[in-house]
């Protein structure tokens, strides 16, 4: 669950950094609003396709997204 939670925190960070609602974030990424909600609540695990849609929607590379996930994984390990 550690990685899923870190991914959830990473996308929530990206969304809030851009001052977007879940609805707007979902629209920009080309995914459904409820899917964003489920990702942020760790109810769903993202597929590779979703990871790339989020990265593309945020105009970052997948490696940048994974770097952010790694950052949150480290935080979670320390807690």
Protein backbone atom coordinates (compact mmCIF):
# COMPACT_ATOMS: atom_id res chain seq x y z
CA UNK A 1 0.00 0.00 0.00
CA UNK A 2 2.96 2.29 0.53
CA UNK A 3 3.48 2.96 -3.19
CA UNK A 4 -0.24 3.40 -3.87
CA UNK A 5 -0.50 5.92 -1.04
CA UNK A 6 2.58 7.75 -2.30
CA UNK A 7 1.05 7.92 -5.79
CA UNK A 8 -2.17 9.29 -4.29
CA UNK A 9 -0.27 11.98 -2.42
CA UNK A 10 1.74 12.84 -5.54
CA UNK A 11 -1.28 13.40 -7.76
CA UNK A 12 -3.08 15.30 -5.03
CA UNK A 13 0.00 17.52 -4.73
CA UNK A 14 0.08 18.10 -8.50
CA UNK A 15 -3.63 18.91 -8.55
CA UNK A 16 -3.48 21.33 -5.63
CA UNK A 17 -0.26 22.94 -6.89
CA UNK A 18 -2.18 23.81 -10.05
CA UNK A 19 -5.21 24.92 -8.01
CA UNK A 20 -7.48 22.45 -9.79
CA UNK A 21 -10.58 20.68 -8.58
CA UNK A 22 -10.75 16.94 -9.10
CA UNK A 23 -13.16 17.63 -11.96
CA UNK A 24 -10.79 20.01 -13.74
CA UNK A 25 -7.79 17.80 -13.10
CA UNK A 26 -9.66 14.82 -14.53
CA UNK A 27 -10.68 16.78 -17.62
CA UNK A 28 -7.11 17.94 -18.24
CA UNK A 29 -5.81 14.39 -17.86
CA UNK A 30 -8.58 12.82 -19.92
CA UNK A 31 -9.84 10.56 -17.16
CA UNK A 32 -13.10 10.38 -15.21
CA UNK A 33 -13.59 12.49 -12.09
CA UNK A 34 -14.53 9.52 -9.95
CA UNK A 35 -11.32 7.79 -11.02
CA UNK A 36 -9.26 10.74 -9.73
CA UNK A 37 -11.16 10.55 -6.46
CA UNK A 38 -10.55 6.82 -6.18
CA UNK A 39 -6.84 7.26 -6.93
CA UNK A 40 -6.50 9.96 -4.29
CA UNK A 41 -8.30 7.78 -1.73
CA UNK A 42 -6.17 4.74 -2.68
CA UNK A 43 -9.27 2.79 -3.67
CA UNK A 44 -7.81 2.21 -7.15
CA UNK A 45 -4.29 1.51 -8.37
CA UNK A 46 -3.32 3.32 -11.58
CA UNK A 47 -2.59 1.48 -14.78
CA UNK A 48 0.37 2.44 -16.93
CA UNK A 49 -2.03 4.19 -19.32
CA UNK A 50 -3.46 6.31 -16.49
CA UNK A 51 0.02 7.19 -15.23
CA UNK A 52 0.93 8.53 -18.68
CA UNK A 53 -2.39 10.38 -19.01
CA UNK A 54 -1.74 12.13 -15.69
CA UNK A 55 1.84 12.97 -16.62
CA UNK A 56 0.77 14.29 -20.03
CA UNK A 57 -2.10 16.27 -18.51
CA UNK A 58 0.29 17.86 -16.00
CA UNK A 59 2.82 18.51 -18.78
CA UNK A 60 5.53 16.55 -17.01
CA UNK A 61 7.33 13.36 -17.95
CA UNK A 62 6.40 10.04 -16.42
CA UNK A 63 9.85 10.00 -14.80
CA UNK A 64 9.08 13.35 -13.12
CA UNK A 65 5.82 11.91 -11.84
CA UNK A 66 7.64 8.85 -10.52
CA UNK A 67 10.24 11.09 -8.86
CA UNK A 68 7.42 12.80 -7.00
CA UNK A 69 6.00 9.41 -6.03
CA UNK A 70 9.46 8.39 -4.77
CA UNK A 71 9.59 11.55 -2.65
CA UNK A 72 6.29 10.64 -1.00
CA UNK A 73 7.40 7.01 -0.55
CA UNK A 74 10.37 8.25 1.45
CA UNK A 75 8.10 10.43 3.57
CA UNK A 76 5.80 7.47 4.21
CA UNK A 77 8.75 5.26 5.21
CA UNK A 78 9.85 7.85 7.76
CA UNK A 79 6.40 7.99 9.36
